[in-house]
């Protein structure tokens, strides 16, 4: 076989392959190591079993800074002669960061007559519920946000929601001391998530605690 004549296998979001599936993949990688190279991408490296880590060269892609993220979307709006209302843009950024492509598409869908409009239900009715969550959090309606997320989020999305809450502590409370308490609430919710039978109930409990924190209770 000529040097470099390898077949390449790309496994996107490998962190969602079950542990049993990853164990089976380990054997496949061993069997075809002379003829193939495997590329695994993931958002959560800790979900990939150590045996696969040891067989791969790791590369970490840094998440774009949120300020740079916002500036990039604003640049595109200005280039397209759209008035970038910063408060409205902030809603999109908080809901969608760090997915820049999705944010650009969502902003584009909600531009009317040279202005960026607040999020509305799109033509497909599949508008990201986190956009509405941001609006509810900003006006202190966290209990309403809880009902929304519990009705819309899938069980497999719960971990992402905990991360989203952590990334957006400022819309829960502006006080540093209360933000520290919010982190502890979110952390405990994430820990309990691994053990509970119903992730929705656990998430609802976390949101209730955050609402009480926001209201000073």
C-alpha atoms as a PDB file:
ATOM      1  CA  UNK A   1       0.000   0.000   0.000  1.00  0.00           C
ATOM      2  CA  UNK A   2       1.442   3.450  -0.934  1.00  0.00           C
ATOM      3  CA  UNK A   3       2.281   5.750   1.959  1.00  0.00           C
ATOM      4  CA  UNK A   4      -0.662   7.933   2.892  1.00  0.00           C
ATOM      5  CA  UNK A   5      -3.233   5.765   1.076  1.00  0.00           C
ATOM      6  CA  UNK A   6      -5.601   5.665   4.066  1.00  0.00           C
ATOM      7  CA  UNK A   7      -9.361   5.752   4.220  1.00  0.00           C
ATOM      8  CA  UNK A   8     -10.711   8.363   6.663  1.00  0.00           C
ATOM      9  CA  UNK A   9     -13.772   7.825   8.845  1.00  0.00           C
ATOM     10  CA  UNK A  10     -15.383  10.903  10.458  1.00  0.00           C
ATOM     11  CA  UNK A  11     -17.577  10.246  13.492  1.00  0.00           C
ATOM     12  CA  UNK A  12     -19.336  13.506  14.362  1.00  0.00           C
ATOM     13  CA  UNK A  13     -20.592  13.989  17.953  1.00  0.00           C
ATOM     14  CA  UNK A  14     -18.829  10.840  19.109  1.00  0.00           C
ATOM     15  CA  UNK A  15     -19.640  11.766  22.712  1.00  0.00           C
ATOM     16  CA  UNK A  16     -23.226  10.643  22.039  1.00  0.00           C
ATOM     17  CA  UNK A  17     -22.159   7.114  21.126  1.00  0.00           C
ATOM     18  CA  UNK A  18     -23.077   4.801  23.997  1.00  0.00           C
ATOM     19  CA  UNK A  19     -20.235   3.366  26.117  1.00  0.00           C
ATOM     20  CA  UNK A  20     -20.951  -0.065  24.635  1.00  0.00           C
ATOM     21  CA  UNK A  21     -20.765   1.400  21.142  1.00  0.00           C
ATOM     22  CA  UNK A  22     -17.496   3.151  21.979  1.00  0.00           C
ATOM     23  CA  UNK A  23     -16.064  -0.109  23.310  1.00  0.00           C
ATOM     24  CA  UNK A  24     -16.995  -1.800  20.030  1.00  0.00           C
ATOM     25  CA  UNK A  25     -15.424   1.087  18.087  1.00  0.00           C
ATOM     26  CA  UNK A  26     -12.158   0.483  19.926  1.00  0.00           C
ATOM     27  CA  UNK A  27     -11.954  -2.989  18.362  1.00  0.00           C
ATOM     28  CA  UNK A  28     -12.748  -1.627  14.891  1.00  0.00           C
ATOM     29  CA  UNK A  29     -10.003   1.009  15.201  1.00  0.00           C
ATOM     30  CA  UNK A  30      -7.524  -1.686  16.189  1.00  0.00           C
ATOM     31  CA  UNK A  31      -8.532  -3.989  13.354  1.00  0.00           C
ATOM     32  CA  UNK A  32      -8.201  -1.368  10.627  1.00  0.00           C
ATOM     33  CA  UNK A  33      -5.336   0.711  12.010  1.00  0.00           C
ATOM     34  CA  UNK A  34      -3.133  -0.104   8.999  1.00  0.00           C
ATOM     35  CA  UNK A  35      -5.664   1.044   6.390  1.00  0.00           C
ATOM     36  CA  UNK A  36      -7.873   3.654   8.040  1.00  0.00           C
ATOM     37  CA  UNK A  37      -7.748   6.733  10.241  1.00  0.00           C
ATOM     38  CA  UNK A  38     -10.637   7.698  12.490  1.00  0.00           C
ATOM     39  CA  UNK A  39     -11.587  11.309  13.262  1.00  0.00           C
ATOM     40  CA  UNK A  40     -13.887  11.798  16.264  1.00  0.00           C
ATOM     41  CA  UNK A  41     -15.501  15.155  17.073  1.00  0.00           C
ATOM     42  CA  UNK A  42     -17.277  15.900  20.343  1.00  0.00           C
ATOM     43  CA  UNK A  43     -18.496  18.694  22.591  1.00  0.00           C
ATOM     44  CA  UNK A  44     -17.985  16.737  25.824  1.00  0.00           C
ATOM     45  CA  UNK A  45     -14.629  14.876  25.778  1.00  0.00           C
ATOM     46  CA  UNK A  46     -15.320  13.466  29.247  1.00  0.00           C
ATOM     47  CA  UNK A  47     -18.055  11.302  27.701  1.00  0.00           C
ATOM     48  CA  UNK A  48     -15.544   9.522  25.477  1.00  0.00           C
ATOM     49  CA  UNK A  49     -14.083   6.435  27.151  1.00  0.00           C
ATOM     50  CA  UNK A  50     -10.363   6.484  28.095  1.00  0.00           C
ATOM     51  CA  UNK A  51      -9.602   3.641  25.668  1.00  0.00           C
ATOM     52  CA  UNK A  52     -10.556   5.888  22.721  1.00  0.00           C
ATOM     53  CA  UNK A  53      -8.694   8.869  24.164  1.00  0.00           C
ATOM     54  CA  UNK A  54      -5.512   6.777  24.281  1.00  0.00           C
ATOM     55  CA  UNK A  55      -5.894   5.866  20.604  1.00  0.00           C
ATOM     56  CA  UNK A  56      -6.422   9.431  19.394  1.00  0.00           C
ATOM     57  CA  UNK A  57      -4.464  12.657  19.217  1.00  0.00           C
ATOM     58  CA  UNK A  58      -6.549  15.322  20.964  1.00  0.00           C
ATOM     59  CA  UNK A  59      -7.176  18.823  19.607  1.00  0.00           C
ATOM     60  CA  UNK A  60      -9.196  21.357  21.610  1.00  0.00           C
ATOM     61  CA  UNK A  61     -11.054  24.129  19.752  1.00  0.00           C
ATOM     62  CA  UNK A  62     -11.584  27.132  22.014  1.00  0.00           C
ATOM     63  CA  UNK A  63     -15.098  28.555  22.145  1.00  0.00           C
ATOM     64  CA  UNK A  64     -15.288  32.037  20.672  1.00  0.00           C
ATOM     65  CA  UNK A  65     -15.436  34.774  23.312  1.00  0.00           C
ATOM     66  CA  UNK A  66     -19.003  36.005  23.852  1.00  0.00           C
ATOM     67  CA  UNK A  67     -18.003  39.639  23.167  1.00  0.00           C
ATOM     68  CA  UNK A  68     -16.357  38.622  19.900  1.00  0.00           C
ATOM     69  CA  UNK A  69     -19.409  36.508  19.098  1.00  0.00           C
ATOM     70  CA  UNK A  70     -21.693  39.521  19.593  1.00  0.00           C
ATOM     71  CA  UNK A  71     -19.373  41.818  17.646  1.00  0.00           C
ATOM     72  CA  UNK A  72     -19.298  39.422  14.696  1.00  0.00           C
ATOM     73  CA  UNK A  73     -23.094  39.254  14.461  1.00  0.00           C
ATOM     74  CA  UNK A  74     -23.284  43.055  14.797  1.00  0.00           C
ATOM     75  CA  UNK A  75     -20.724  43.444  11.982  1.00  0.00           C
ATOM     76  CA  UNK A  76     -22.863  41.310   9.695  1.00  0.00           C
ATOM     77  CA  UNK A  77     -25.970  43.328  10.545  1.00  0.00           C
ATOM     78  CA  UNK A  78     -24.192  46.612   9.829  1.00  0.00           C
ATOM     79  CA  UNK A  79     -22.790  45.242   6.552  1.00  0.00           C
ATOM     80  CA  UNK A  80     -26.340  44.288   5.551  1.00  0.00           C
ATOM     81  CA  UNK A  81     -27.557  47.777   6.530  1.00  0.00           C
ATOM     82  CA  UNK A  82     -29.631  46.422   9.425  1.00  0.00           C
ATOM     83  CA  UNK A  83     -29.962  48.530  12.562  1.00  0.00           C
ATOM     84  CA  UNK A  84     -28.415  46.362  15.338  1.00  0.00           C
ATOM     85  CA  UNK A  85     -30.546  47.022  18.428  1.00  0.00           C
ATOM     86  CA  UNK A  86     -28.115  45.862  21.127  1.00  0.00           C
ATOM     87  CA  UNK A  87     -30.788  44.845  23.633  1.00  0.00           C
ATOM     88  CA  UNK A  88     -32.535  42.651  21.076  1.00  0.00           C
ATOM     89  CA  UNK A  89     -29.226  41.287  19.806  1.00  0.00           C
ATOM     90  CA  UNK A  90     -28.292  40.408  23.386  1.00  0.00           C
ATOM     91  CA  UNK A  91     -31.391  38.206  23.606  1.00  0.00           C
ATOM     92  CA  UNK A  92     -30.276  36.192  20.579  1.00  0.00           C
ATOM     93  CA  UNK A  93     -26.709  35.904  21.844  1.00  0.00           C
ATOM     94  CA  UNK A  94     -27.729  34.729  25.317  1.00  0.00           C
ATOM     95  CA  UNK A  95     -30.076  32.118  23.851  1.00  0.00           C
ATOM     96  CA  UNK A  96     -27.864  30.723  21.108  1.00  0.00           C
ATOM     97  CA  UNK A  97     -24.203  31.290  22.072  1.00  0.00           C
ATOM     98  CA  UNK A  98     -21.801  29.648  21.183  1.00  0.00           C
ATOM     99  CA  UNK A  99     -23.506  28.473  17.946  1.00  0.00           C
ATOM    100  CA  UNK A 100     -22.552  31.373  15.656  1.00  0.00           C
ATOM    101  CA  UNK A 101     -24.059  29.883  12.516  1.00  0.00           C
ATOM    102  CA  UNK A 102     -27.431  29.354  14.183  1.00  0.00           C
ATOM    103  CA  UNK A 103     -27.386  32.870  15.640  1.00  0.00           C
ATOM    104  CA  UNK A 104     -26.706  34.414  12.216  1.00  0.00           C
ATOM    105  CA  UNK A 105     -29.535  32.382  10.661  1.00  0.00           C
ATOM    106  CA  UNK A 106     -31.953  33.277  13.463  1.00  0.00           C
ATOM    107  CA  UNK A 107     -31.107  36.975  13.278  1.00  0.00           C
ATOM    108  CA  UNK A 108     -31.490  36.929   9.496  1.00  0.00           C
ATOM    109  CA  UNK A 109     -34.926  35.345   9.842  1.00  0.00           C
ATOM    110  CA  UNK A 110     -36.050  38.139  12.172  1.00  0.00           C
ATOM    111  CA  UNK A 111     -34.924  41.207  10.228  1.00  0.00           C
ATOM    112  CA  UNK A 112     -37.744  43.381   8.901  1.00  0.00           C
ATOM    113  CA  UNK A 113     -37.578  46.711   7.058  1.00  0.00           C
ATOM    114  CA  UNK A 114     -33.941  47.335   7.931  1.00  0.00           C
ATOM    115  CA  UNK A 115     -34.344  46.522  11.650  1.00  0.00           C
ATOM    116  CA  UNK A 116     -33.604  43.572  13.877  1.00  0.00           C
ATOM    117  CA  UNK A 117     -36.880  42.474  15.443  1.00  0.00           C
ATOM    118  CA  UNK A 118     -37.476  40.603  18.727  1.00  0.00           C
ATOM    119  CA  UNK A 119     -37.817  36.829  18.372  1.00  0.00           C
ATOM    120  CA  UNK A 120     -41.125  35.612  16.990  1.00  0.00           C
ATOM    121  CA  UNK A 121     -42.498  32.224  16.056  1.00  0.00           C
ATOM    122  CA  UNK A 122     -40.901  31.419  12.718  1.00  0.00           C
ATOM    123  CA  UNK A 123     -42.614  29.948   9.672  1.00  0.00           C
ATOM    124  CA  UNK A 124     -41.820  26.412  10.819  1.00  0.00           C
ATOM    125  CA  UNK A 125     -42.960  26.972  14.392  1.00  0.00           C
ATOM    126  CA  UNK A 126     -39.603  25.632  15.567  1.00  0.00           C
ATOM    127  CA  UNK A 127     -38.197  28.782  17.111  1.00  0.00           C
ATOM    128  CA  UNK A 128     -35.658  27.979  19.838  1.00  0.00           C
ATOM    129  CA  UNK A 129     -37.495  28.042  23.184  1.00  0.00           C
ATOM    130  CA  UNK A 130     -34.382  29.488  24.803  1.00  0.00           C
ATOM    131  CA  UNK A 131     -35.090  32.794  23.075  1.00  0.00           C
ATOM    132  CA  UNK A 132     -38.371  33.043  24.981  1.00  0.00           C
ATOM    133  CA  UNK A 133     -36.588  31.868  28.137  1.00  0.00           C
ATOM    134  CA  UNK A 134     -34.168  34.795  27.907  1.00  0.00           C
ATOM    135  CA  UNK A 135     -37.041  37.262  27.603  1.00  0.00           C
ATOM    136  CA  UNK A 136     -38.800  35.725  30.619  1.00  0.00           C
ATOM    137  CA  UNK A 137     -35.619  35.726  32.713  1.00  0.00           C
ATOM    138  CA  UNK A 138     -34.952  39.367  31.877  1.00  0.00           C
ATOM    139  CA  UNK A 139     -38.303  40.436  33.296  1.00  0.00           C
ATOM    140  CA  UNK A 140     -37.995  38.142  36.311  1.00  0.00           C
ATOM    141  CA  UNK A 141     -40.606  35.597  35.206  1.00  0.00           C
ATOM    142  CA  UNK A 142     -38.468  32.590  36.057  1.00  0.00           C
ATOM    143  CA  UNK A 143     -41.428  30.428  37.062  1.00  0.00           C
ATOM    144  CA  UNK A 144     -42.926  30.971  33.615  1.00  0.00           C
ATOM    145  CA  UNK A 145     -39.528  30.131  32.123  1.00  0.00           C
ATOM    146  CA  UNK A 146     -39.539  26.921  34.165  1.00  0.00           C
ATOM    147  CA  UNK A 147     -42.907  25.874  32.746  1.00  0.00           C
ATOM    148  CA  UNK A 148     -41.702  26.695  29.237  1.00  0.00           C
ATOM    149  CA  UNK A 149     -38.439  24.764  29.419  1.00  0.00           C
ATOM    150  CA  UNK A 150     -40.056  21.755  31.092  1.00  0.00           C
ATOM    151  CA  UNK A 151     -42.669  21.589  28.334  1.00  0.00           C
ATOM    152  CA  UNK A 152     -40.220  22.081  25.465  1.00  0.00           C
ATOM    153  CA  UNK A 153     -36.862  20.559  26.415  1.00  0.00           C
ATOM    154  CA  UNK A 154     -36.083  16.939  25.665  1.00  0.00           C
ATOM    155  CA  UNK A 155     -34.471  14.837  28.441  1.00  0.00           C
ATOM    156  CA  UNK A 156     -31.205  14.659  26.508  1.00  0.00           C
ATOM    157  CA  UNK A 157     -31.059  18.473  26.401  1.00  0.00           C
ATOM    158  CA  UNK A 158     -31.079  18.923  30.181  1.00  0.00           C
ATOM    159  CA  UNK A 159     -27.302  18.996  30.550  1.00  0.00           C
ATOM    160  CA  UNK A 160     -27.092  21.717  27.908  1.00  0.00           C
ATOM    161  CA  UNK A 161     -29.694  23.736  29.807  1.00  0.00           C
ATOM    162  CA  UNK A 162     -27.641  23.550  33.016  1.00  0.00           C
ATOM    163  CA  UNK A 163     -24.661  24.844  31.058  1.00  0.00           C
ATOM    164  CA  UNK A 164     -26.831  27.570  29.531  1.00  0.00           C
ATOM    165  CA  UNK A 165     -27.981  28.653  32.996  1.00  0.00           C
ATOM    166  CA  UNK A 166     -24.365  28.778  34.168  1.00  0.00           C
ATOM    167  CA  UNK A 167     -23.305  30.847  31.142  1.00  0.00           C
ATOM    168  CA  UNK A 168     -26.119  33.336  31.769  1.00  0.00           C
ATOM    169  CA  UNK A 169     -25.958  33.966  35.505  1.00  0.00           C
ATOM    170  CA  UNK A 170     -26.394  37.685  34.897  1.00  0.00           C
ATOM    171  CA  UNK A 171     -30.011  37.251  33.818  1.00  0.00           C
ATOM    172  CA  UNK A 172     -30.747  35.323  37.022  1.00  0.00           C
ATOM    173  CA  UNK A 173     -29.228  37.956  39.319  1.00  0.00           C
ATOM    174  CA  UNK A 174     -26.744  40.804  39.060  1.00  0.00           C
ATOM    175  CA  UNK A 175     -25.342  40.348  42.581  1.00  0.00           C
ATOM    176  CA  UNK A 176     -22.034  38.463  42.833  1.00  0.00           C
ATOM    177  CA  UNK A 177     -22.960  36.721  46.086  1.00  0.00           C
ATOM    178  CA  UNK A 178     -26.266  35.498  44.677  1.00  0.00           C
ATOM    179  CA  UNK A 179     -24.553  34.386  41.485  1.00  0.00           C
ATOM    180  CA  UNK A 180     -22.268  32.211  43.624  1.00  0.00           C
ATOM    181  CA  UNK A 181     -25.352  30.646  45.203  1.00  0.00           C
ATOM    182  CA  UNK A 182     -26.870  30.136  41.750  1.00  0.00           C
ATOM    183  CA  UNK A 183     -23.737  28.258  40.657  1.00  0.00           C
ATOM    184  CA  UNK A 184     -24.098  25.913  43.633  1.00  0.00           C
ATOM    185  CA  UNK A 185     -27.776  25.297  42.782  1.00  0.00           C
ATOM    186  CA  UNK A 186     -26.935  24.546  39.146  1.00  0.00           C
ATOM    187  CA  UNK A 187     -24.022  22.311  40.149  1.00  0.00           C
ATOM    188  CA  UNK A 188     -26.200  20.252  42.482  1.00  0.00           C
ATOM    189  CA  UNK A 189     -28.862  19.949  39.800  1.00  0.00           C
ATOM    190  CA  UNK A 190     -26.269  18.636  37.372  1.00  0.00           C
ATOM    191  CA  UNK A 191     -24.999  16.124  39.928  1.00  0.00           C
ATOM    192  CA  UNK A 192     -28.526  14.913  40.709  1.00  0.00           C
ATOM    193  CA  UNK A 193     -29.265  14.669  36.977  1.00  0.00           C
ATOM    194  CA  UNK A 194     -27.099  11.537  36.798  1.00  0.00           C
ATOM    195  CA  UNK A 195     -29.183   9.732  39.416  1.00  0.00           C
ATOM    196  CA  UNK A 196     -32.808  10.804  39.041  1.00  0.00           C
ATOM    197  CA  UNK A 197     -35.421   8.742  37.224  1.00  0.00           C
ATOM    198  CA  UNK A 198     -37.140  11.813  35.747  1.00  0.00           C
ATOM    199  CA  UNK A 199     -34.745  14.590  34.528  1.00  0.00           C
ATOM    200  CA  UNK A 200     -37.673  16.992  33.989  1.00  0.00           C
ATOM    201  CA  UNK A 201     -38.611  16.971  37.669  1.00  0.00           C
ATOM    202  CA  UNK A 202     -34.983  17.573  38.644  1.00  0.00           C
ATOM    203  CA  UNK A 203     -34.688  20.485  36.215  1.00  0.00           C
ATOM    204  CA  UNK A 204     -37.976  21.950  37.476  1.00  0.00           C
ATOM    205  CA  UNK A 205     -36.602  21.778  41.023  1.00  0.00           C
ATOM    206  CA  UNK A 206     -33.476  23.699  40.000  1.00  0.00           C
ATOM    207  CA  UNK A 207     -35.546  26.368  38.251  1.00  0.00           C
ATOM    208  CA  UNK A 208     -37.762  26.786  41.351  1.00  0.00           C
ATOM    209  CA  UNK A 209     -34.668  27.316  43.510  1.00  0.00           C
ATOM    210  CA  UNK A 210     -33.287  29.870  41.040  1.00  0.00           C
ATOM    211  CA  UNK A 211     -36.636  31.698  41.002  1.00  0.00           C
ATOM    212  CA  UNK A 212     -36.610  31.920  44.801  1.00  0.00           C
ATOM    213  CA  UNK A 213     -33.026  33.168  44.694  1.00  0.00           C
ATOM    214  CA  UNK A 214     -33.991  35.808  42.144  1.00  0.00           C
ATOM    215  CA  UNK A 215     -36.885  36.923  44.362  1.00  0.00           C
ATOM    216  CA  UNK A 216     -34.679  37.091  47.445  1.00  0.00           C
ATOM    217  CA  UNK A 217     -36.363  34.201  49.223  1.00  0.00           C
END
